[in-house]
Each structure stands twice: as structure tokens, then as C-alpha cells.
């Protein structure tokens, strides 16, 4: 069991065991490799969607940042035979469109920061290993369905949604839909456990009978 996860929680999906949704977590293999740069403050949070993304995508990894005097290795952000792209909506970022994706001549290493907006902005400004990596941003899309945290602005999405939408453009709409579906399950079960959503409104997976007894 990961340190910091209470015994009453599933060690994999990190929700209370009667609400476990591990069977809903897909195993998705893609050419696109996803590297998540997670702030150390996000690591212990049970509702962090980057960790869920990492469990679903076989070709993905998480690197932790935010500790004093630690820097990323530039070599880890550039893999042979892959095009590195940094998913971050800076003013000079290129819109991630099917037309742009069609110009890429090799599989993508998609680098994605995972932190709140203030932490991410500071990280982007101070991390030298990110200098020179082309930045891309998502096109306007539907509002976020991640209702467990307040978004900085109406167009903001959580890390899983950002990765899913990027993958939907770069490689696979089916993979996008699978990721978004498991997030909906997590969100519904978490809201229900907090008394914020009636069981009859949990339409994506339902609430197990075992959980309702607790």
C-alpha cells in the first residue's frame, strides 16, 4: 500500500474500498508517451487525476517536482525518435489541432505539468530543463466535468481531461473517451461519498450495494 493511504481505502484507486472502481480503469497502450510533471503537493491527494491517468496509460510516467534544490533532468524530456511537446497554454503555444498533429513526423512525448495554476506558472518560469521545448495548448472545448475542485477559470480542465483531449487529437478518440469515462466514475463516487450527489444521479457506474450499507 502506498504510504499515506489509509487502510480503509483501495491501494490502487485510492477511494474507500466499498466504492472501489479499479475494474473501470482501462489499460490503454498508445504510441504517444505521456510524462506527467507532478508537484510534490499533489502526490498525497487521493482525488488527483494525474495518478489515475498514469494507471490507465501503459506508456506514461510521473516525475515529482517542487522539492527544494531539485531540478529535472533535461535528458528525460527528450527521447530518441520522439517529438517533445509541452502542454501548457502560454501566449506562444501552438493550438493542438488535427492539422498540426498531421505535420508531426514521429510519435509524441507529451509533457504535462500537474499542479495548481500558481505552482505551474512558477515551475514554468524557473525550470531550465523546459526551455526550448515547443508548447502546445488545447482548442476551446466543453466545460470540465471534474467537479471535485474549483477551476481557476471557466475554460479550465483537470490534468486527466487535458491529457485525454490532447490524445484525442494526437492519436485516439477512443482513448480519450475511455479516460473521460473512468474520471466520471471517480467523480460520481467521490461526490456520493461526501453526500453531495444522490445515488440515483450516479449514472456512469452506479453505487455498489455494499457501499450503501456503510
N, C-alpha and C. Protein backbone atom coordinates (compact mmCIF):
# COMPACT_ATOMS: atom_id res chain seq x y z
N UNK A 1 0.84 -1.21 0.00
CA UNK A 1 0.00 0.00 0.00
C UNK A 1 0.87 1.25 0.00
N UNK A 2 0.51 2.23 -0.84
CA UNK A 2 1.31 3.45 -0.90
C UNK A 2 1.27 4.17 0.44
N UNK A 3 2.45 4.66 0.93
CA UNK A 3 2.46 5.41 2.19
C UNK A 3 1.48 6.57 2.14
N UNK A 4 0.74 6.75 3.22
CA UNK A 4 -0.22 7.84 3.29
C UNK A 4 -1.64 7.44 2.93
N UNK A 5 -1.83 6.22 2.36
CA UNK A 5 -3.17 5.75 2.03
C UNK A 5 -3.71 4.96 3.21
N UNK A 6 -4.83 5.40 3.74
CA UNK A 6 -5.43 4.74 4.90
C UNK A 6 -5.87 3.33 4.53
N UNK A 7 -5.92 2.45 5.53
CA UNK A 7 -6.25 1.05 5.29
C UNK A 7 -7.65 0.87 4.74
N UNK A 8 -8.56 1.81 5.00
CA UNK A 8 -9.93 1.66 4.52
C UNK A 8 -10.08 2.06 3.05
N UNK A 9 -8.98 2.51 2.44
CA UNK A 9 -9.03 2.91 1.04
C UNK A 9 -8.37 1.84 0.15
N UNK A 10 -8.87 1.73 -1.07
CA UNK A 10 -8.26 0.83 -2.04
C UNK A 10 -6.85 1.34 -2.36
N UNK A 11 -5.83 0.50 -2.31
CA UNK A 11 -4.47 0.97 -2.55
C UNK A 11 -4.22 1.41 -3.99
N UNK A 12 -5.11 1.02 -4.91
CA UNK A 12 -4.89 1.37 -6.32
C UNK A 12 -5.68 2.60 -6.73
N UNK A 13 -7.01 2.58 -6.57
CA UNK A 13 -7.81 3.74 -6.99
C UNK A 13 -7.97 4.76 -5.87
N UNK A 14 -7.59 4.40 -4.65
CA UNK A 14 -7.47 5.31 -3.51
C UNK A 14 -8.80 5.84 -2.98
N UNK A 15 -9.90 5.22 -3.36
CA UNK A 15 -11.19 5.60 -2.80
C UNK A 15 -11.55 4.57 -1.72
N UNK A 16 -12.57 4.86 -0.91
CA UNK A 16 -12.99 3.88 0.11
C UNK A 16 -13.28 2.54 -0.55
N UNK A 17 -12.83 1.47 0.08
CA UNK A 17 -12.87 0.15 -0.55
C UNK A 17 -14.25 -0.26 -1.07
N UNK A 18 -15.36 0.02 -0.36
CA UNK A 18 -16.66 -0.36 -0.93
C UNK A 18 -17.00 0.37 -2.23
N UNK A 19 -16.31 1.48 -2.50
CA UNK A 19 -16.57 2.26 -3.71
C UNK A 19 -15.51 2.02 -4.79
N UNK A 20 -14.64 1.04 -4.58
CA UNK A 20 -13.53 0.77 -5.50
C UNK A 20 -14.01 0.74 -6.95
N UNK A 21 -13.27 1.43 -7.81
CA UNK A 21 -13.64 1.45 -9.24
C UNK A 21 -12.49 0.94 -10.11
N UNK A 22 -11.62 0.10 -9.53
CA UNK A 22 -10.47 -0.41 -10.28
C UNK A 22 -10.89 -1.12 -11.56
N UNK A 23 -12.01 -1.80 -11.54
CA UNK A 23 -12.43 -2.54 -12.73
C UNK A 23 -12.78 -1.60 -13.88
N UNK A 24 -12.98 -0.33 -13.57
CA UNK A 24 -13.31 0.66 -14.60
C UNK A 24 -12.07 1.31 -15.19
N UNK A 25 -10.90 1.07 -14.58
CA UNK A 25 -9.68 1.70 -15.08
C UNK A 25 -9.18 0.91 -16.28
N UNK A 26 -9.15 1.51 -17.45
CA UNK A 26 -8.72 0.78 -18.65
C UNK A 26 -7.20 0.62 -18.70
N UNK A 27 -6.75 -0.25 -19.56
CA UNK A 27 -5.33 -0.37 -19.87
C UNK A 27 -5.17 0.05 -21.33
N UNK A 28 -4.61 1.23 -21.55
CA UNK A 28 -4.54 1.82 -22.88
C UNK A 28 -3.07 1.91 -23.31
N UNK A 29 -2.76 1.33 -24.45
CA UNK A 29 -1.41 1.39 -24.99
C UNK A 29 -1.40 2.27 -26.23
N UNK A 30 -0.57 3.30 -26.21
CA UNK A 30 -0.51 4.27 -27.29
C UNK A 30 0.93 4.47 -27.74
N UNK A 31 1.10 5.01 -28.94
CA UNK A 31 2.43 5.44 -29.37
C UNK A 31 2.85 6.70 -28.62
N UNK A 32 1.90 7.58 -28.38
CA UNK A 32 2.18 8.80 -27.62
C UNK A 32 2.61 8.42 -26.20
N UNK A 33 3.73 8.98 -25.76
CA UNK A 33 4.16 8.77 -24.38
C UNK A 33 3.81 10.01 -23.57
N UNK A 34 3.23 9.81 -22.40
CA UNK A 34 2.82 10.92 -21.55
C UNK A 34 3.73 10.98 -20.33
N UNK A 35 4.38 12.11 -20.15
CA UNK A 35 5.21 12.34 -18.97
C UNK A 35 4.56 13.42 -18.12
N UNK A 36 4.12 13.05 -16.95
CA UNK A 36 3.43 13.97 -16.04
C UNK A 36 4.43 14.52 -15.03
N UNK A 37 4.52 15.83 -14.96
CA UNK A 37 5.41 16.51 -14.02
C UNK A 37 4.55 16.96 -12.83
N UNK A 38 4.50 16.13 -11.82
CA UNK A 38 3.59 16.35 -10.69
C UNK A 38 4.28 17.12 -9.57
N UNK A 39 3.61 18.17 -9.10
CA UNK A 39 4.12 18.89 -7.94
C UNK A 39 4.01 18.00 -6.71
N UNK A 40 5.00 18.10 -5.84
CA UNK A 40 5.04 17.23 -4.67
C UNK A 40 3.79 17.38 -3.78
N UNK A 41 3.13 18.54 -3.81
CA UNK A 41 1.92 18.74 -3.02
C UNK A 41 0.75 17.91 -3.54
N UNK A 42 0.79 17.52 -4.82
CA UNK A 42 -0.29 16.73 -5.40
C UNK A 42 -0.17 15.25 -5.05
N UNK A 43 1.01 14.80 -4.74
CA UNK A 43 1.27 13.37 -4.57
C UNK A 43 0.37 12.69 -3.54
N UNK A 44 0.09 13.29 -2.38
CA UNK A 44 -0.74 12.60 -1.39
C UNK A 44 -2.26 12.72 -1.61
N UNK A 45 -2.70 13.50 -2.59
CA UNK A 45 -4.13 13.75 -2.76
C UNK A 45 -4.81 12.56 -3.43
N UNK A 46 -5.84 12.04 -2.79
CA UNK A 46 -6.50 10.83 -3.30
C UNK A 46 -7.35 11.10 -4.53
N UNK A 47 -7.72 12.36 -4.77
CA UNK A 47 -8.54 12.68 -5.95
C UNK A 47 -7.70 13.28 -7.07
N UNK A 48 -6.39 13.11 -7.02
CA UNK A 48 -5.52 13.60 -8.08
C UNK A 48 -5.76 12.80 -9.35
N UNK A 49 -6.07 13.46 -10.45
CA UNK A 49 -6.42 12.75 -11.68
C UNK A 49 -5.20 12.33 -12.49
N UNK A 50 -4.05 12.93 -12.23
CA UNK A 50 -2.84 12.52 -12.95
C UNK A 50 -2.46 11.09 -12.59
N UNK A 51 -2.60 10.74 -11.33
CA UNK A 51 -2.29 9.37 -10.91
C UNK A 51 -3.23 8.38 -11.58
N UNK A 52 -4.49 8.75 -11.71
CA UNK A 52 -5.45 7.88 -12.39
C UNK A 52 -5.07 7.73 -13.86
N UNK A 53 -4.64 8.81 -14.50
CA UNK A 53 -4.20 8.76 -15.89
C UNK A 53 -3.02 7.82 -16.05
N UNK A 54 -2.07 7.92 -15.14
CA UNK A 54 -0.88 7.08 -15.18
C UNK A 54 -1.22 5.59 -15.04
N UNK A 55 -2.24 5.29 -14.26
CA UNK A 55 -2.67 3.89 -14.11
C UNK A 55 -3.32 3.37 -15.40
N UNK A 56 -3.96 4.25 -16.14
CA UNK A 56 -4.68 3.83 -17.34
C UNK A 56 -3.78 3.76 -18.58
N UNK A 57 -2.77 4.60 -18.65
CA UNK A 57 -1.91 4.67 -19.83
C UNK A 57 -0.63 3.88 -19.58
N UNK A 58 -0.45 2.80 -20.31
CA UNK A 58 0.74 1.97 -20.09
C UNK A 58 2.02 2.70 -20.49
N UNK A 59 1.93 3.61 -21.44
CA UNK A 59 3.10 4.35 -21.91
C UNK A 59 3.11 5.74 -21.28
N UNK A 60 3.21 5.75 -19.95
CA UNK A 60 3.21 7.03 -19.23
C UNK A 60 4.06 6.90 -17.98
N UNK A 61 4.44 8.04 -17.44
CA UNK A 61 5.21 8.05 -16.20
C UNK A 61 4.94 9.36 -15.46
N UNK A 62 5.28 9.35 -14.17
CA UNK A 62 5.15 10.55 -13.34
C UNK A 62 6.52 10.90 -12.77
N UNK A 63 6.90 12.16 -12.92
CA UNK A 63 8.08 12.69 -12.25
C UNK A 63 7.61 13.72 -11.24
N UNK A 64 8.16 13.65 -10.04
CA UNK A 64 7.78 14.58 -8.97
C UNK A 64 8.74 15.77 -8.97
N UNK A 65 8.16 16.96 -8.84
CA UNK A 65 8.98 18.17 -8.73
C UNK A 65 8.44 19.03 -7.59
N UNK A 66 9.13 20.10 -7.29
CA UNK A 66 8.69 21.02 -6.25
C UNK A 66 9.48 20.93 -4.97
N UNK A 67 10.46 19.99 -4.92
CA UNK A 67 11.30 19.89 -3.73
C UNK A 67 12.48 20.84 -3.87
N UNK A 68 12.92 21.38 -2.76
CA UNK A 68 13.97 22.39 -2.77
C UNK A 68 15.26 21.85 -3.40
N UNK A 69 15.84 22.66 -4.25
CA UNK A 69 17.14 22.38 -4.86
C UNK A 69 17.14 21.15 -5.76
N UNK A 70 15.97 20.72 -6.23
CA UNK A 70 15.92 19.61 -7.17
C UNK A 70 15.49 20.13 -8.54
N UNK A 71 16.12 19.62 -9.59
CA UNK A 71 15.80 20.02 -10.95
C UNK A 71 15.55 18.80 -11.81
N UNK A 72 14.77 18.99 -12.85
CA UNK A 72 14.53 17.90 -13.79
C UNK A 72 15.78 17.62 -14.61
N UNK A 73 15.89 16.39 -15.04
CA UNK A 73 16.97 16.04 -15.97
C UNK A 73 16.53 16.38 -17.38
N UNK A 74 17.26 17.24 -18.09
CA UNK A 74 16.88 17.58 -19.47
C UNK A 74 16.80 16.35 -20.37
N UNK A 75 17.66 15.36 -20.11
CA UNK A 75 17.68 14.16 -20.94
C UNK A 75 16.36 13.40 -20.87
N UNK A 76 15.70 13.45 -19.73
CA UNK A 76 14.45 12.70 -19.57
C UNK A 76 13.31 13.31 -20.36
N UNK A 77 13.48 14.55 -20.82
CA UNK A 77 12.42 15.25 -21.55
C UNK A 77 12.62 15.18 -23.06
N UNK A 78 13.64 14.46 -23.48
CA UNK A 78 13.93 14.30 -24.90
C UNK A 78 14.29 12.84 -25.15
N UNK A 79 13.40 12.10 -25.77
CA UNK A 79 13.62 10.69 -26.01
C UNK A 79 13.93 10.44 -27.49
N UNK A 80 14.84 9.54 -27.79
CA UNK A 80 15.19 9.25 -29.19
C UNK A 80 13.97 8.85 -30.01
N UNK A 81 13.85 9.43 -31.19
CA UNK A 81 12.76 9.08 -32.10
C UNK A 81 11.41 9.64 -31.72
N UNK A 82 11.38 10.58 -30.78
CA UNK A 82 10.11 11.17 -30.35
C UNK A 82 10.18 12.70 -30.41
N UNK A 83 9.03 13.32 -30.63
CA UNK A 83 8.91 14.77 -30.64
C UNK A 83 8.36 15.24 -29.29
N UNK A 84 9.14 16.01 -28.55
CA UNK A 84 8.69 16.50 -27.25
C UNK A 84 7.79 17.72 -27.42
N UNK A 85 6.65 17.69 -26.77
CA UNK A 85 5.71 18.82 -26.75
C UNK A 85 5.29 19.06 -25.31
N UNK A 86 5.25 20.32 -24.90
CA UNK A 86 4.86 20.69 -23.55
C UNK A 86 3.45 21.25 -23.58
N UNK A 87 2.54 20.58 -22.88
CA UNK A 87 1.13 21.02 -22.87
C UNK A 87 0.96 22.10 -21.81
N UNK A 88 0.98 23.33 -22.29
CA UNK A 88 0.88 24.49 -21.40
C UNK A 88 0.43 25.70 -22.21
N UNK A 89 -0.65 26.38 -21.79
CA UNK A 89 -1.22 27.45 -22.62
C UNK A 89 -0.52 28.80 -22.48
N UNK A 90 0.76 28.85 -22.82
CA UNK A 90 1.47 30.13 -22.81
C UNK A 90 1.08 30.93 -24.05
N UNK A 91 1.36 32.22 -24.07
CA UNK A 91 0.94 33.06 -25.21
C UNK A 91 1.47 32.57 -26.55
N UNK A 92 2.65 31.94 -26.55
CA UNK A 92 3.24 31.49 -27.82
C UNK A 92 2.94 30.02 -28.13
N UNK A 93 2.05 29.40 -27.36
CA UNK A 93 1.75 27.99 -27.57
C UNK A 93 0.97 27.78 -28.87
N UNK A 94 1.23 26.67 -29.53
CA UNK A 94 0.54 26.31 -30.77
C UNK A 94 -0.74 25.55 -30.43
N UNK A 95 -1.83 25.88 -31.11
CA UNK A 95 -3.07 25.14 -30.87
C UNK A 95 -2.92 23.71 -31.34
N UNK A 96 -3.34 22.79 -30.49
CA UNK A 96 -3.23 21.38 -30.80
C UNK A 96 -4.45 20.97 -31.64
N UNK A 97 -4.28 21.01 -32.94
CA UNK A 97 -5.36 20.71 -33.87
C UNK A 97 -5.00 19.47 -34.69
N UNK A 98 -5.97 18.84 -35.34
CA UNK A 98 -5.65 17.72 -36.23
C UNK A 98 -4.67 18.12 -37.33
N UNK A 99 -4.78 19.36 -37.81
CA UNK A 99 -3.87 19.83 -38.86
C UNK A 99 -2.44 19.91 -38.35
N UNK A 100 -2.27 20.41 -37.12
CA UNK A 100 -0.93 20.45 -36.54
C UNK A 100 -0.42 19.04 -36.30
N UNK A 101 -1.25 18.16 -35.77
CA UNK A 101 -0.84 16.78 -35.50
C UNK A 101 -0.38 16.09 -36.77
N UNK A 102 -1.00 16.42 -37.90
CA UNK A 102 -0.65 15.79 -39.17
C UNK A 102 0.75 16.19 -39.64
N UNK A 103 1.29 17.27 -39.11
CA UNK A 103 2.63 17.71 -39.52
C UNK A 103 3.73 16.99 -38.75
N UNK A 104 3.38 16.28 -37.69
CA UNK A 104 4.38 15.62 -36.85
C UNK A 104 4.86 14.34 -37.53
N UNK A 105 6.15 14.15 -37.55
CA UNK A 105 6.72 13.02 -38.29
C UNK A 105 7.19 11.89 -37.38
N UNK A 106 7.00 12.02 -36.07
CA UNK A 106 7.37 10.97 -35.13
C UNK A 106 6.40 10.97 -33.97
N UNK A 107 6.34 9.87 -33.20
CA UNK A 107 5.45 9.84 -32.03
C UNK A 107 5.81 10.95 -31.05
N UNK A 108 4.83 11.34 -30.26
CA UNK A 108 4.98 12.49 -29.37
C UNK A 108 5.30 12.06 -27.94
N UNK A 109 6.24 12.76 -27.32
CA UNK A 109 6.41 12.73 -25.87
C UNK A 109 5.66 13.94 -25.34
N UNK A 110 4.50 13.71 -24.77
CA UNK A 110 3.65 14.80 -24.29
C UNK A 110 3.97 15.05 -22.82
N UNK A 111 4.52 16.22 -22.55
CA UNK A 111 4.93 16.59 -21.20
C UNK A 111 3.84 17.47 -20.59
N UNK A 112 3.34 17.07 -19.42
CA UNK A 112 2.16 17.72 -18.85
C UNK A 112 2.41 18.08 -17.38
N UNK A 113 2.39 19.36 -17.03
CA UNK A 113 2.51 19.73 -15.61
C UNK A 113 1.23 19.39 -14.85
N UNK A 114 1.40 19.01 -13.60
CA UNK A 114 0.26 18.67 -12.75
C UNK A 114 0.42 19.39 -11.42
N UNK A 115 -0.29 20.50 -11.27
CA UNK A 115 -0.22 21.33 -10.08
C UNK A 115 -1.31 22.38 -10.20
N UNK A 116 -1.48 23.18 -9.14
CA UNK A 116 -2.43 24.28 -9.30
C UNK A 116 -1.80 25.36 -10.17
N UNK A 117 -2.61 26.34 -10.56
CA UNK A 117 -2.14 27.31 -11.55
C UNK A 117 -0.94 28.11 -11.05
N UNK A 118 -0.94 28.52 -9.81
CA UNK A 118 0.18 29.30 -9.27
C UNK A 118 1.47 28.48 -9.27
N UNK A 119 1.38 27.23 -8.82
CA UNK A 119 2.55 26.36 -8.80
C UNK A 119 3.08 26.10 -10.21
N UNK A 120 2.15 25.88 -11.14
CA UNK A 120 2.56 25.59 -12.52
C UNK A 120 3.25 26.79 -13.16
N UNK A 121 2.68 27.98 -12.94
CA UNK A 121 3.28 29.19 -13.50
C UNK A 121 4.70 29.40 -12.99
N UNK A 122 4.89 29.22 -11.70
CA UNK A 122 6.22 29.35 -11.11
C UNK A 122 7.18 28.30 -11.68
N UNK A 123 6.69 27.08 -11.81
CA UNK A 123 7.51 25.98 -12.32
C UNK A 123 7.95 26.25 -13.76
N UNK A 124 7.03 26.72 -14.58
CA UNK A 124 7.34 27.00 -15.98
C UNK A 124 8.39 28.11 -16.09
N UNK A 125 8.35 29.04 -15.18
CA UNK A 125 9.27 30.17 -15.22
C UNK A 125 10.67 29.80 -14.73
N UNK A 126 10.74 28.84 -13.80
CA UNK A 126 12.01 28.58 -13.12
C UNK A 126 12.72 27.30 -13.55
N UNK A 127 12.04 26.41 -14.27
CA UNK A 127 12.65 25.12 -14.59
C UNK A 127 13.44 25.18 -15.90
N UNK A 128 14.77 25.17 -15.83
CA UNK A 128 15.58 25.33 -17.05
C UNK A 128 15.43 24.17 -18.04
N UNK A 129 15.10 22.97 -17.56
CA UNK A 129 15.00 21.82 -18.46
C UNK A 129 13.87 21.96 -19.47
N UNK A 130 12.92 22.86 -19.20
CA UNK A 130 11.77 23.03 -20.10
C UNK A 130 12.03 24.04 -21.21
N UNK A 131 13.12 24.77 -21.10
CA UNK A 131 13.44 25.79 -22.10
C UNK A 131 13.65 25.14 -23.47
N UNK A 132 13.01 25.70 -24.48
CA UNK A 132 13.20 25.23 -25.84
C UNK A 132 12.25 24.14 -26.29
N UNK A 133 11.48 23.59 -25.37
CA UNK A 133 10.50 22.56 -25.76
C UNK A 133 9.26 23.26 -26.31
N UNK A 134 8.83 22.93 -27.53
CA UNK A 134 7.64 23.58 -28.10
C UNK A 134 6.42 23.40 -27.20
N UNK A 135 5.66 24.48 -27.05
CA UNK A 135 4.47 24.44 -26.20
C UNK A 135 3.22 24.37 -27.06
N UNK A 136 2.29 23.55 -26.61
CA UNK A 136 1.01 23.41 -27.29
C UNK A 136 -0.12 23.65 -26.30
N UNK A 137 -1.27 24.03 -26.82
CA UNK A 137 -2.44 24.26 -25.97
C UNK A 137 -3.66 23.65 -26.62
N UNK A 138 -4.63 23.33 -25.79
CA UNK A 138 -5.87 22.74 -26.29
C UNK A 138 -6.73 23.81 -26.95
N UNK A 139 -7.49 23.38 -27.94
CA UNK A 139 -8.51 24.25 -28.51
C UNK A 139 -9.67 24.37 -27.52
N UNK A 140 -10.50 25.38 -27.70
CA UNK A 140 -11.68 25.53 -26.85
C UNK A 140 -12.54 24.28 -26.93
N UNK A 141 -13.04 23.85 -25.79
CA UNK A 141 -13.84 22.62 -25.75
C UNK A 141 -14.93 22.72 -24.71
N UNK A 142 -15.62 21.62 -24.44
CA UNK A 142 -16.71 21.63 -23.46
C UNK A 142 -16.17 21.90 -22.06
N UNK A 143 -17.03 22.36 -21.16
CA UNK A 143 -16.58 22.64 -19.79
C UNK A 143 -16.11 21.37 -19.07
N UNK A 144 -15.30 21.56 -18.06
CA UNK A 144 -14.77 20.44 -17.29
C UNK A 144 -15.90 19.69 -16.58
N UNK A 145 -15.71 18.37 -16.48
CA UNK A 145 -16.63 17.53 -15.70
C UNK A 145 -16.00 17.10 -14.37
N UNK A 146 -14.87 17.70 -14.06
CA UNK A 146 -14.19 17.37 -12.81
C UNK A 146 -14.69 18.33 -11.73
N UNK A 147 -15.68 17.88 -10.97
CA UNK A 147 -16.38 18.75 -10.03
C UNK A 147 -15.83 18.68 -8.60
N UNK A 148 -14.65 18.10 -8.43
CA UNK A 148 -14.11 17.91 -7.09
C UNK A 148 -13.24 19.07 -6.64
N UNK A 149 -12.84 19.92 -7.57
CA UNK A 149 -12.08 21.13 -7.23
C UNK A 149 -12.62 22.29 -8.06
N UNK A 150 -12.46 23.48 -7.53
CA UNK A 150 -12.88 24.68 -8.26
C UNK A 150 -11.82 25.04 -9.28
N UNK A 151 -12.23 25.20 -10.54
CA UNK A 151 -11.29 25.57 -11.58
C UNK A 151 -10.98 27.07 -11.52
N UNK A 152 -9.77 27.41 -11.93
CA UNK A 152 -9.34 28.82 -11.91
C UNK A 152 -10.21 29.67 -12.83
N UNK A 153 -10.61 29.11 -13.97
CA UNK A 153 -11.49 29.84 -14.87
C UNK A 153 -12.43 28.84 -15.54
N UNK A 154 -13.43 29.36 -16.22
CA UNK A 154 -14.47 28.50 -16.78
C UNK A 154 -13.93 27.54 -17.84
N UNK A 155 -12.86 27.91 -18.49
CA UNK A 155 -12.31 27.06 -19.54
C UNK A 155 -11.30 26.05 -19.01
N UNK A 156 -11.01 26.09 -17.71
CA UNK A 156 -10.01 25.20 -17.13
C UNK A 156 -10.50 23.76 -17.07
N UNK A 157 -9.57 22.83 -17.23
CA UNK A 157 -9.88 21.41 -17.11
C UNK A 157 -8.83 20.78 -16.20
N UNK A 158 -9.14 19.60 -15.67
CA UNK A 158 -8.18 18.92 -14.81
C UNK A 158 -7.12 18.24 -15.67
N UNK A 159 -6.11 17.70 -15.03
CA UNK A 159 -4.99 17.10 -15.76
C UNK A 159 -5.44 15.94 -16.63
N UNK A 160 -6.28 15.06 -16.10
CA UNK A 160 -6.76 13.93 -16.90
C UNK A 160 -7.49 14.41 -18.13
N UNK A 161 -8.37 15.38 -17.98
CA UNK A 161 -9.12 15.88 -19.13
C UNK A 161 -8.20 16.50 -20.16
N UNK A 162 -7.19 17.25 -19.70
CA UNK A 162 -6.25 17.88 -20.63
C UNK A 162 -5.50 16.82 -21.42
N UNK A 163 -5.03 15.79 -20.73
CA UNK A 163 -4.31 14.71 -21.41
C UNK A 163 -5.23 13.97 -22.36
N UNK A 164 -6.44 13.67 -21.91
CA UNK A 164 -7.39 12.93 -22.74
C UNK A 164 -7.69 13.70 -24.03
N UNK A 165 -7.92 15.00 -23.91
CA UNK A 165 -8.25 15.80 -25.09
C UNK A 165 -7.05 15.89 -26.03
N UNK A 166 -5.85 16.00 -25.47
CA UNK A 166 -4.66 16.03 -26.30
C UNK A 166 -4.48 14.72 -27.05
N UNK A 167 -4.67 13.61 -26.36
CA UNK A 167 -4.54 12.30 -27.00
C UNK A 167 -5.62 12.11 -28.07
N UNK A 168 -6.79 12.65 -27.81
CA UNK A 168 -7.86 12.57 -28.80
C UNK A 168 -7.48 13.22 -30.11
N UNK A 169 -6.66 14.26 -30.06
CA UNK A 169 -6.19 14.94 -31.27
C UNK A 169 -4.97 14.22 -31.85
N UNK A 170 -4.04 13.85 -30.99
CA UNK A 170 -2.78 13.28 -31.45
C UNK A 170 -2.92 11.86 -31.97
N UNK A 171 -3.85 11.09 -31.35
CA UNK A 171 -3.83 9.67 -31.68
C UNK A 171 -5.17 8.95 -31.64
N UNK A 172 -5.95 9.07 -30.58
CA UNK A 172 -7.07 8.15 -30.41
C UNK A 172 -8.25 8.79 -29.67
N UNK A 173 -9.36 8.99 -30.39
CA UNK A 173 -10.57 9.47 -29.74
C UNK A 173 -11.13 8.42 -28.78
N UNK A 174 -10.94 7.15 -29.12
CA UNK A 174 -11.42 6.09 -28.23
C UNK A 174 -10.70 6.15 -26.88
N UNK A 175 -9.38 6.38 -26.91
CA UNK A 175 -8.63 6.50 -25.66
C UNK A 175 -9.11 7.71 -24.86
N UNK A 176 -9.38 8.80 -25.54
CA UNK A 176 -9.92 9.98 -24.86
C UNK A 176 -11.21 9.64 -24.13
N UNK A 177 -12.11 8.97 -24.81
CA UNK A 177 -13.40 8.63 -24.21
C UNK A 177 -13.24 7.67 -23.03
N UNK A 178 -12.30 6.74 -23.12
CA UNK A 178 -12.08 5.80 -22.02
C UNK A 178 -11.56 6.53 -20.78
N UNK A 179 -10.64 7.45 -20.96
CA UNK A 179 -10.12 8.21 -19.84
C UNK A 179 -11.20 9.08 -19.21
N UNK A 180 -11.97 9.76 -20.04
CA UNK A 180 -13.02 10.63 -19.51
C UNK A 180 -14.08 9.82 -18.77
N UNK A 181 -14.36 8.61 -19.25
CA UNK A 181 -15.37 7.78 -18.60
C UNK A 181 -14.93 7.38 -17.19
N UNK A 182 -13.68 6.92 -17.03
CA UNK A 182 -13.24 6.49 -15.70
C UNK A 182 -13.18 7.67 -14.75
N UNK A 183 -12.87 8.88 -15.27
CA UNK A 183 -12.89 10.05 -14.41
C UNK A 183 -14.30 10.36 -13.92
N UNK A 184 -15.29 10.19 -14.79
CA UNK A 184 -16.67 10.43 -14.38
C UNK A 184 -17.08 9.48 -13.26
N UNK A 185 -16.63 8.24 -13.35
CA UNK A 185 -16.93 7.26 -12.30
C UNK A 185 -16.32 7.71 -10.98
N UNK A 186 -15.04 8.11 -11.03
CA UNK A 186 -14.36 8.57 -9.82
C UNK A 186 -15.07 9.78 -9.21
N UNK A 187 -15.44 10.73 -10.07
CA UNK A 187 -16.09 11.96 -9.59
C UNK A 187 -17.43 11.64 -8.94
N UNK A 188 -18.24 10.82 -9.60
CA UNK A 188 -19.56 10.48 -9.05
C UNK A 188 -19.44 9.78 -7.70
N UNK A 189 -18.56 8.80 -7.61
CA UNK A 189 -18.45 8.04 -6.37
C UNK A 189 -17.88 8.89 -5.24
N UNK A 190 -16.96 9.79 -5.59
CA UNK A 190 -16.41 10.68 -4.57
C UNK A 190 -17.46 11.66 -4.07
N UNK A 191 -18.23 12.24 -4.99
CA UNK A 191 -19.30 13.17 -4.59
C UNK A 191 -20.35 12.47 -3.76
N UNK A 192 -20.70 11.24 -4.15
CA UNK A 192 -21.69 10.48 -3.38
C UNK A 192 -21.17 10.23 -1.96
N UNK A 193 -19.90 9.87 -1.83
CA UNK A 193 -19.32 9.57 -0.52
C UNK A 193 -19.31 10.79 0.39
N UNK A 194 -19.32 11.99 -0.21
CA UNK A 194 -19.33 13.23 0.56
C UNK A 194 -20.74 13.76 0.79
N UNK A 195 -21.75 13.01 0.32
CA UNK A 195 -23.12 13.42 0.48
C UNK A 195 -23.55 14.53 -0.45
N UNK A 196 -22.83 14.70 -1.57
CA UNK A 196 -23.10 15.80 -2.50
C UNK A 196 -23.80 15.36 -3.77
N UNK A 197 -24.09 14.05 -3.90
CA UNK A 197 -24.74 13.57 -5.12
C UNK A 197 -25.60 12.36 -4.76
N UNK A 198 -26.91 12.41 -5.05
CA UNK A 198 -27.77 11.27 -4.78
C UNK A 198 -27.36 10.05 -5.60
N UNK A 199 -27.56 8.86 -5.06
CA UNK A 199 -27.15 7.63 -5.74
C UNK A 199 -27.81 7.50 -7.11
N UNK A 200 -29.08 7.96 -7.22
CA UNK A 200 -29.78 7.81 -8.50
C UNK A 200 -29.21 8.70 -9.59
N UNK A 201 -28.37 9.67 -9.23
CA UNK A 201 -27.73 10.52 -10.23
C UNK A 201 -26.34 10.03 -10.63
N UNK A 202 -25.93 8.92 -10.03
CA UNK A 202 -24.63 8.32 -10.40
C UNK A 202 -24.87 7.38 -11.57
N UNK A 203 -24.90 7.94 -12.76
CA UNK A 203 -25.36 7.21 -13.94
C UNK A 203 -24.25 6.48 -14.68
N UNK A 204 -22.99 6.78 -14.36
CA UNK A 204 -21.90 6.20 -15.14
C UNK A 204 -21.46 4.84 -14.63
N UNK A 205 -21.68 4.56 -13.37
CA UNK A 205 -21.35 3.22 -12.87
C UNK A 205 -22.28 2.77 -11.75
N UNK A 206 -23.00 3.71 -11.16
CA UNK A 206 -23.85 3.36 -10.03
C UNK A 206 -23.04 3.21 -8.76
N UNK A 207 -23.74 3.15 -7.62
CA UNK A 207 -23.11 2.98 -6.33
C UNK A 207 -23.31 1.54 -5.88
N UNK A 208 -22.26 0.78 -5.58
CA UNK A 208 -22.42 -0.62 -5.18
C UNK A 208 -23.28 -0.76 -3.92
N UNK A 209 -24.03 -1.82 -3.85
CA UNK A 209 -24.90 -2.06 -2.71
C UNK A 209 -24.08 -2.11 -1.42
N UNK A 210 -22.90 -2.68 -1.49
CA UNK A 210 -22.04 -2.78 -0.31
C UNK A 210 -21.73 -1.40 0.26
N UNK A 211 -21.50 -0.43 -0.64
CA UNK A 211 -21.16 0.92 -0.19
C UNK A 211 -22.34 1.59 0.50
N UNK A 212 -23.55 1.30 0.02
CA UNK A 212 -24.73 1.96 0.58
C UNK A 212 -25.01 1.51 2.01
N UNK A 213 -24.45 0.38 2.40
CA UNK A 213 -24.68 -0.14 3.75
C UNK A 213 -23.81 0.56 4.79
N UNK A 214 -22.78 1.25 4.32
CA UNK A 214 -21.84 1.86 5.25
C UNK A 214 -22.26 3.27 5.61
